[in-house]
Amino acid sequence: MDDAVRLQQKDFSLDAEVAALLAQSKRIGGIATFLGCARDFSGEHEVCEIAFEAYHDMALAELSSLREEAIARFGLIDARIVHRLGTVRAGENIVLIVAGAEHRPPAFDACRWLIDELKARAPIWKKEITPQGESWVTPHP
């Protein structure tokens, strides 16, 4: 759980990630989180599951780069990024971003920036699995 940036198949704990962030510094006064979950619909159709694939090493390097960029850009004390790979069922967690700063504004700003940049830059692909079949989702930030 020491890795601040991870790609993993199993679910993650929001509480454990926040605790790991808080363990880095007692100067943290504001923490913002983004938790992305799998919906049971997309557009007009039902979605049963979403399958996530990644170019693992490249995706991990990009997520690490995003973390370091956010820390420098927003003056964060620390940040954590966890993204699941494999099959995620509707209602389950997909991605978690936790940003910690001395005050709330940079934590909020960094959290939003991180998820937007992750969706635009990380080589992670998703395929929706519906009762009608499967289809790859075109990226959309």
N, C-alpha and C. Protein backbone atom coordinates (compact mmCIF):
# COMPACT_ATOMS: atom_id res chain seq x y z
N MET A 1 0.82 -1.19 0.00
CA MET A 1 0.00 0.00 0.00
C MET A 1 0.87 1.26 0.00
N ASP A 2 2.20 1.09 0.00
CA ASP A 2 3.10 2.23 0.01
C ASP A 2 3.13 2.96 -1.33
N ASP A 3 2.76 2.29 -2.41
CA ASP A 3 2.82 2.89 -3.73
C ASP A 3 1.73 3.94 -3.89
N ALA A 4 2.15 5.18 -4.14
CA ALA A 4 1.20 6.28 -4.28
C ALA A 4 0.46 6.22 -5.61
N VAL A 5 1.02 5.51 -6.57
CA VAL A 5 0.40 5.35 -7.88
C VAL A 5 0.35 3.86 -8.19
N ARG A 6 -0.86 3.37 -8.47
CA ARG A 6 -1.00 1.93 -8.72
C ARG A 6 -2.03 1.64 -9.81
N LEU A 7 -1.79 0.56 -10.53
CA LEU A 7 -2.77 -0.07 -11.41
C LEU A 7 -2.98 -1.45 -10.81
N GLN A 8 -4.23 -1.83 -10.58
CA GLN A 8 -4.48 -3.10 -9.91
C GLN A 8 -5.83 -3.67 -10.29
N GLN A 9 -5.96 -4.98 -10.17
CA GLN A 9 -7.22 -5.64 -10.49
C GLN A 9 -8.21 -5.55 -9.32
N LYS A 10 -7.71 -5.68 -8.10
CA LYS A 10 -8.61 -5.70 -6.94
C LYS A 10 -9.13 -4.31 -6.60
N ASP A 11 -10.19 -4.27 -5.84
CA ASP A 11 -10.77 -3.02 -5.39
C ASP A 11 -9.79 -2.33 -4.43
N PHE A 12 -10.06 -1.09 -4.11
CA PHE A 12 -9.24 -0.31 -3.19
C PHE A 12 -10.13 0.29 -2.12
N SER A 13 -9.49 0.78 -1.08
CA SER A 13 -10.20 1.39 0.05
C SER A 13 -9.94 2.88 0.08
N LEU A 14 -10.99 3.67 -0.03
CA LEU A 14 -10.86 5.12 0.08
C LEU A 14 -10.25 5.49 1.42
N ASP A 15 -10.74 4.87 2.49
CA ASP A 15 -10.22 5.17 3.84
C ASP A 15 -8.73 4.87 3.95
N ALA A 16 -8.30 3.74 3.40
CA ALA A 16 -6.88 3.37 3.48
C ALA A 16 -6.01 4.34 2.68
N GLU A 17 -6.50 4.78 1.54
CA GLU A 17 -5.73 5.72 0.72
C GLU A 17 -5.63 7.09 1.39
N VAL A 18 -6.71 7.56 2.00
CA VAL A 18 -6.67 8.84 2.73
C VAL A 18 -5.73 8.72 3.92
N ALA A 19 -5.79 7.61 4.63
CA ALA A 19 -4.89 7.40 5.77
C ALA A 19 -3.43 7.39 5.33
N ALA A 20 -3.15 6.76 4.20
CA ALA A 20 -1.78 6.73 3.68
C ALA A 20 -1.31 8.13 3.32
N LEU A 21 -2.19 8.94 2.77
CA LEU A 21 -1.86 10.32 2.43
C LEU A 21 -1.57 11.11 3.71
N LEU A 22 -2.46 11.00 4.68
CA LEU A 22 -2.29 11.73 5.95
C LEU A 22 -1.01 11.32 6.68
N ALA A 23 -0.57 10.09 6.50
CA ALA A 23 0.65 9.62 7.16
C ALA A 23 1.90 10.31 6.61
N GLN A 24 1.78 10.97 5.45
CA GLN A 24 2.94 11.63 4.84
C GLN A 24 3.30 12.95 5.51
N SER A 25 2.30 13.64 6.08
CA SER A 25 2.59 14.96 6.66
C SER A 25 1.46 15.43 7.57
N LYS A 26 1.83 16.07 8.64
CA LYS A 26 0.85 16.67 9.54
C LYS A 26 0.48 18.08 9.08
N ARG A 27 1.09 18.56 7.99
CA ARG A 27 0.76 19.88 7.43
C ARG A 27 -0.49 19.84 6.56
N ILE A 28 -0.95 18.66 6.21
CA ILE A 28 -2.13 18.56 5.34
C ILE A 28 -3.35 19.09 6.08
N GLY A 29 -4.00 20.09 5.48
CA GLY A 29 -5.19 20.69 6.07
C GLY A 29 -6.42 20.50 5.20
N GLY A 30 -6.20 20.11 3.95
CA GLY A 30 -7.31 19.89 3.03
C GLY A 30 -7.04 18.70 2.14
N ILE A 31 -8.02 17.82 2.03
CA ILE A 31 -7.91 16.65 1.16
C ILE A 31 -9.13 16.64 0.25
N ALA A 32 -8.88 16.51 -1.04
CA ALA A 32 -9.96 16.37 -2.02
C ALA A 32 -9.83 14.99 -2.65
N THR A 33 -10.97 14.37 -2.91
CA THR A 33 -10.94 13.05 -3.54
C THR A 33 -11.87 13.04 -4.76
N PHE A 34 -11.50 12.21 -5.72
CA PHE A 34 -12.39 11.88 -6.82
C PHE A 34 -12.47 10.37 -6.85
N LEU A 35 -13.69 9.84 -6.80
CA LEU A 35 -13.92 8.41 -6.88
C LEU A 35 -14.78 8.15 -8.10
N GLY A 36 -14.23 7.45 -9.07
CA GLY A 36 -14.98 7.10 -10.27
C GLY A 36 -15.54 5.70 -10.12
N CYS A 37 -16.82 5.55 -10.37
CA CYS A 37 -17.52 4.26 -10.22
C CYS A 37 -18.15 3.86 -11.55
N ALA A 38 -18.34 2.57 -11.73
CA ALA A 38 -18.96 2.05 -12.95
C ALA A 38 -20.48 2.23 -12.86
N ARG A 39 -21.06 2.89 -13.88
CA ARG A 39 -22.50 3.05 -13.95
C ARG A 39 -23.12 1.84 -14.63
N ASP A 40 -24.42 1.68 -14.45
CA ASP A 40 -25.13 0.58 -15.10
C ASP A 40 -25.78 1.02 -16.42
N PHE A 41 -25.37 2.19 -16.93
CA PHE A 41 -25.88 2.67 -18.21
C PHE A 41 -24.82 3.55 -18.87
N SER A 42 -24.95 3.71 -20.16
CA SER A 42 -24.10 4.61 -20.92
C SER A 42 -24.94 5.08 -22.11
N GLY A 43 -25.16 6.37 -22.17
CA GLY A 43 -26.05 6.87 -23.21
C GLY A 43 -27.45 6.31 -22.99
N GLU A 44 -27.90 5.53 -23.94
CA GLU A 44 -29.25 4.96 -23.87
C GLU A 44 -29.26 3.46 -23.57
N HIS A 45 -28.08 2.86 -23.32
CA HIS A 45 -28.07 1.41 -23.13
C HIS A 45 -27.55 0.98 -21.76
N GLU A 46 -27.99 -0.19 -21.36
CA GLU A 46 -27.59 -0.80 -20.09
C GLU A 46 -26.15 -1.30 -20.20
N VAL A 47 -25.40 -1.16 -19.11
CA VAL A 47 -24.04 -1.66 -19.06
C VAL A 47 -23.94 -2.61 -17.86
N CYS A 48 -23.48 -3.83 -18.13
CA CYS A 48 -23.33 -4.83 -17.06
C CYS A 48 -21.95 -4.75 -16.39
N GLU A 49 -20.94 -4.59 -17.24
CA GLU A 49 -19.55 -4.55 -16.77
C GLU A 49 -18.74 -3.66 -17.70
N ILE A 50 -17.57 -3.25 -17.19
CA ILE A 50 -16.61 -2.53 -18.01
C ILE A 50 -15.28 -3.24 -17.86
N ALA A 51 -14.64 -3.52 -18.98
CA ALA A 51 -13.32 -4.16 -18.96
C ALA A 51 -12.27 -3.09 -19.25
N PHE A 52 -11.29 -2.96 -18.37
CA PHE A 52 -10.22 -1.98 -18.53
C PHE A 52 -8.92 -2.69 -18.88
N GLU A 53 -8.26 -2.17 -19.91
CA GLU A 53 -6.95 -2.68 -20.32
C GLU A 53 -6.00 -1.50 -20.39
N ALA A 54 -4.73 -1.77 -20.20
CA ALA A 54 -3.73 -0.71 -20.24
C ALA A 54 -2.42 -1.25 -20.78
N TYR A 55 -1.65 -0.36 -21.35
CA TYR A 55 -0.26 -0.64 -21.62
C TYR A 55 0.41 -0.36 -20.27
N HIS A 56 0.54 -1.40 -19.45
CA HIS A 56 0.83 -1.28 -18.02
C HIS A 56 1.99 -0.35 -17.70
N ASP A 57 3.17 -0.62 -18.23
CA ASP A 57 4.34 0.17 -17.86
C ASP A 57 4.20 1.62 -18.29
N MET A 58 3.67 1.84 -19.50
CA MET A 58 3.49 3.20 -19.98
C MET A 58 2.42 3.93 -19.17
N ALA A 59 1.33 3.25 -18.85
CA ALA A 59 0.26 3.86 -18.06
C ALA A 59 0.76 4.22 -16.67
N LEU A 60 1.49 3.33 -16.04
CA LEU A 60 2.03 3.59 -14.71
C LEU A 60 2.99 4.79 -14.73
N ALA A 61 3.83 4.84 -15.76
CA ALA A 61 4.76 5.97 -15.89
C ALA A 61 3.99 7.28 -16.09
N GLU A 62 2.92 7.25 -16.89
CA GLU A 62 2.14 8.47 -17.14
C GLU A 62 1.42 8.91 -15.86
N LEU A 63 0.85 7.96 -15.12
CA LEU A 63 0.17 8.32 -13.87
C LEU A 63 1.17 8.90 -12.86
N SER A 64 2.36 8.33 -12.81
CA SER A 64 3.40 8.86 -11.91
C SER A 64 3.80 10.27 -12.32
N SER A 65 3.92 10.49 -13.62
CA SER A 65 4.25 11.81 -14.14
C SER A 65 3.15 12.82 -13.81
N LEU A 66 1.90 12.41 -13.96
CA LEU A 66 0.78 13.28 -13.61
C LEU A 66 0.82 13.65 -12.14
N ARG A 67 1.08 12.67 -11.29
CA ARG A 67 1.16 12.93 -9.85
C ARG A 67 2.23 13.97 -9.54
N GLU A 68 3.43 13.76 -10.09
CA GLU A 68 4.52 14.69 -9.84
C GLU A 68 4.20 16.09 -10.39
N GLU A 69 3.59 16.14 -11.56
CA GLU A 69 3.21 17.42 -12.16
C GLU A 69 2.18 18.14 -11.29
N ALA A 70 1.20 17.41 -10.77
CA ALA A 70 0.17 18.02 -9.93
C ALA A 70 0.77 18.53 -8.62
N ILE A 71 1.68 17.77 -8.03
CA ILE A 71 2.32 18.21 -6.79
C ILE A 71 3.04 19.54 -7.02
N ALA A 72 3.77 19.64 -8.13
CA ALA A 72 4.52 20.86 -8.43
C ALA A 72 3.58 22.01 -8.83
N ARG A 73 2.62 21.72 -9.68
CA ARG A 73 1.73 22.76 -10.24
C ARG A 73 0.82 23.38 -9.18
N PHE A 74 0.29 22.54 -8.28
CA PHE A 74 -0.70 23.02 -7.31
C PHE A 74 -0.15 23.16 -5.89
N GLY A 75 1.13 22.86 -5.70
CA GLY A 75 1.73 22.97 -4.37
C GLY A 75 1.17 21.95 -3.40
N LEU A 76 0.88 20.76 -3.90
CA LEU A 76 0.35 19.71 -3.02
C LEU A 76 1.44 19.20 -2.09
N ILE A 77 1.00 18.66 -0.98
CA ILE A 77 1.92 17.96 -0.10
C ILE A 77 2.11 16.54 -0.62
N ASP A 78 1.02 15.94 -1.09
CA ASP A 78 1.11 14.60 -1.67
C ASP A 78 -0.17 14.31 -2.45
N ALA A 79 -0.12 13.27 -3.25
CA ALA A 79 -1.27 12.82 -4.01
C ALA A 79 -1.15 11.32 -4.25
N ARG A 80 -2.31 10.68 -4.42
CA ARG A 80 -2.35 9.25 -4.68
C ARG A 80 -3.31 9.00 -5.84
N ILE A 81 -2.96 8.04 -6.69
CA ILE A 81 -3.80 7.67 -7.83
C ILE A 81 -3.85 6.15 -7.90
N VAL A 82 -5.08 5.61 -7.91
CA VAL A 82 -5.26 4.16 -8.06
C VAL A 82 -6.29 3.94 -9.15
N HIS A 83 -5.96 3.10 -10.13
CA HIS A 83 -6.89 2.78 -11.22
C HIS A 83 -6.96 1.26 -11.34
N ARG A 84 -8.17 0.77 -11.44
CA ARG A 84 -8.36 -0.67 -11.59
C ARG A 84 -8.24 -1.09 -13.05
N LEU A 85 -7.78 -2.30 -13.24
CA LEU A 85 -7.74 -2.95 -14.54
C LEU A 85 -8.58 -4.22 -14.45
N GLY A 86 -8.88 -4.81 -15.58
CA GLY A 86 -9.71 -6.02 -15.58
C GLY A 86 -11.18 -5.63 -15.64
N THR A 87 -12.01 -6.55 -15.23
CA THR A 87 -13.46 -6.35 -15.33
C THR A 87 -14.03 -5.77 -14.05
N VAL A 88 -14.78 -4.70 -14.21
CA VAL A 88 -15.43 -4.00 -13.10
C VAL A 88 -16.93 -4.05 -13.35
N ARG A 89 -17.67 -4.48 -12.37
CA ARG A 89 -19.13 -4.58 -12.49
C ARG A 89 -19.78 -3.24 -12.16
N ALA A 90 -20.97 -3.03 -12.68
CA ALA A 90 -21.72 -1.81 -12.39
C ALA A 90 -21.83 -1.63 -10.88
N GLY A 91 -21.55 -0.41 -10.42
CA GLY A 91 -21.60 -0.10 -8.99
C GLY A 91 -20.26 -0.21 -8.29
N GLU A 92 -19.25 -0.77 -8.95
CA GLU A 92 -17.94 -0.93 -8.33
C GLU A 92 -17.03 0.26 -8.62
N ASN A 93 -15.97 0.38 -7.82
CA ASN A 93 -14.99 1.45 -7.98
C ASN A 93 -14.11 1.21 -9.20
N ILE A 94 -13.73 2.31 -9.87
CA ILE A 94 -12.81 2.24 -11.00
C ILE A 94 -11.51 2.97 -10.69
N VAL A 95 -11.62 4.23 -10.30
CA VAL A 95 -10.43 5.07 -10.14
C VAL A 95 -10.59 5.94 -8.90
N LEU A 96 -9.47 6.18 -8.23
CA LEU A 96 -9.46 7.05 -7.06
C LEU A 96 -8.29 8.01 -7.17
N ILE A 97 -8.58 9.28 -6.93
CA ILE A 97 -7.54 10.30 -6.84
C ILE A 97 -7.72 10.98 -5.49
N VAL A 98 -6.62 11.11 -4.75
CA VAL A 98 -6.62 11.77 -3.45
C VAL A 98 -5.52 12.82 -3.48
N ALA A 99 -5.89 14.07 -3.27
CA ALA A 99 -4.92 15.17 -3.29
C ALA A 99 -4.92 15.86 -1.94
N GLY A 100 -3.74 16.02 -1.36
CA GLY A 100 -3.62 16.67 -0.05
C GLY A 100 -2.75 17.91 -0.13
N ALA A 101 -3.25 19.00 0.47
CA ALA A 101 -2.53 20.27 0.48
C ALA A 101 -2.71 20.93 1.85
N GLU A 102 -2.03 22.03 2.05
CA GLU A 102 -2.21 22.76 3.30
C GLU A 102 -3.61 23.34 3.41
N HIS A 103 -4.19 23.71 2.26
CA HIS A 103 -5.53 24.31 2.22
C HIS A 103 -6.36 23.66 1.13
N ARG A 104 -7.69 23.81 1.20
CA ARG A 104 -8.60 23.11 0.28
C ARG A 104 -8.52 23.54 -1.17
N PRO A 105 -8.36 24.85 -1.52
CA PRO A 105 -8.42 25.20 -2.94
C PRO A 105 -7.42 24.43 -3.83
N PRO A 106 -6.14 24.33 -3.45
CA PRO A 106 -5.24 23.58 -4.33
C PRO A 106 -5.58 22.09 -4.38
N ALA A 107 -6.10 21.55 -3.30
CA ALA A 107 -6.48 20.13 -3.30
C ALA A 107 -7.62 19.90 -4.28
N PHE A 108 -8.65 20.75 -4.24
CA PHE A 108 -9.77 20.64 -5.18
C PHE A 108 -9.29 20.81 -6.62
N ASP A 109 -8.51 21.86 -6.86
CA ASP A 109 -8.05 22.15 -8.23
C ASP A 109 -7.20 21.00 -8.78
N ALA A 110 -6.31 20.48 -7.95
CA ALA A 110 -5.44 19.39 -8.39
C ALA A 110 -6.24 18.12 -8.67
N CYS A 111 -7.21 17.84 -7.84
CA CYS A 111 -8.01 16.63 -8.01
C CYS A 111 -8.74 16.66 -9.36
N ARG A 112 -9.37 17.77 -9.67
CA ARG A 112 -10.07 17.90 -10.95
C ARG A 112 -9.10 17.82 -12.13
N TRP A 113 -7.98 18.51 -12.02
CA TRP A 113 -6.98 18.50 -13.07
C TRP A 113 -6.46 17.08 -13.29
N LEU A 114 -6.18 16.36 -12.21
CA LEU A 114 -5.65 15.00 -12.32
C LEU A 114 -6.61 14.06 -13.05
N ILE A 115 -7.90 14.07 -12.72
CA ILE A 115 -8.80 13.14 -13.40
C ILE A 115 -8.96 13.53 -14.87
N ASP A 116 -9.03 14.83 -15.16
CA ASP A 116 -9.15 15.25 -16.56
C ASP A 116 -7.91 14.85 -17.37
N GLU A 117 -6.74 15.06 -16.80
CA GLU A 117 -5.50 14.70 -17.50
C GLU A 117 -5.32 13.19 -17.60
N LEU A 118 -5.71 12.47 -16.56
CA LEU A 118 -5.63 11.00 -16.60
C LEU A 118 -6.45 10.47 -17.78
N LYS A 119 -7.67 10.96 -17.91
CA LYS A 119 -8.55 10.49 -18.99
C LYS A 119 -8.00 10.86 -20.37
N ALA A 120 -7.30 11.99 -20.45
CA ALA A 120 -6.77 12.44 -21.74
C ALA A 120 -5.42 11.79 -22.09
N ARG A 121 -4.60 11.49 -21.08
CA ARG A 121 -3.22 11.10 -21.36
C ARG A 121 -2.85 9.65 -21.06
N ALA A 122 -3.51 9.03 -20.13
CA ALA A 122 -3.09 7.67 -19.73
C ALA A 122 -3.55 6.63 -20.75
N PRO A 123 -2.66 5.72 -21.16
CA PRO A 123 -3.05 4.68 -22.11
C PRO A 123 -3.83 3.55 -21.42
N ILE A 124 -5.05 3.90 -21.03
CA ILE A 124 -5.98 2.95 -20.40
C ILE A 124 -7.24 2.98 -21.25
N TRP A 125 -7.69 1.79 -21.66
CA TRP A 125 -8.85 1.68 -22.55
C TRP A 125 -9.96 0.94 -21.85
N LYS A 126 -11.20 1.29 -22.22
CA LYS A 126 -12.33 0.60 -21.61
C LYS A 126 -13.29 0.08 -22.66
N LYS A 127 -13.81 -1.09 -22.34
CA LYS A 127 -14.78 -1.76 -23.20
C LYS A 127 -16.04 -2.00 -22.38
N GLU A 128 -17.17 -1.49 -22.86
CA GLU A 128 -18.45 -1.71 -22.18
C GLU A 128 -19.02 -3.06 -22.59
N ILE A 129 -19.49 -3.77 -21.60
CA ILE A 129 -20.12 -5.07 -21.83
C ILE A 129 -21.60 -4.90 -21.50
N THR A 130 -22.43 -5.07 -22.52
CA THR A 130 -23.87 -4.85 -22.40
C THR A 130 -24.62 -6.13 -22.75
N PRO A 131 -25.91 -6.20 -22.47
CA PRO A 131 -26.69 -7.37 -22.88
C PRO A 131 -26.66 -7.57 -24.40
N GLN A 132 -26.40 -6.50 -25.15
CA GLN A 132 -26.36 -6.59 -26.61
C GLN A 132 -24.98 -6.94 -27.17
N GLY A 133 -23.95 -6.92 -26.32
CA GLY A 133 -22.60 -7.22 -26.79
C GLY A 133 -21.58 -6.31 -26.14
N GLU A 134 -20.41 -6.24 -26.77
CA GLU A 134 -19.29 -5.46 -26.24
C GLU A 134 -18.88 -4.39 -27.23
N SER A 135 -18.42 -3.24 -26.71
CA SER A 135 -17.89 -2.20 -27.60
C SER A 135 -16.87 -1.35 -26.85
N TRP A 136 -15.78 -1.03 -27.56
CA TRP A 136 -14.75 -0.16 -27.01
C TRP A 136 -15.30 1.26 -26.95
N VAL A 137 -14.97 1.96 -25.87
CA VAL A 137 -15.47 3.31 -25.67
C VAL A 137 -14.45 4.30 -26.22
N THR A 138 -14.94 5.23 -27.02
CA THR A 138 -14.08 6.30 -27.54
C THR A 138 -13.73 7.22 -26.37
N PRO A 139 -12.44 7.57 -26.24
CA PRO A 139 -12.06 8.43 -25.11
C PRO A 139 -12.85 9.74 -25.10
N HIS A 140 -13.21 10.15 -23.90
CA HIS A 140 -13.86 11.45 -23.71
C HIS A 140 -13.49 11.97 -22.33
N PRO A 141 -12.77 13.12 -22.30
CA PRO A 141 -12.32 13.65 -20.99
C PRO A 141 -13.43 14.08 -20.08
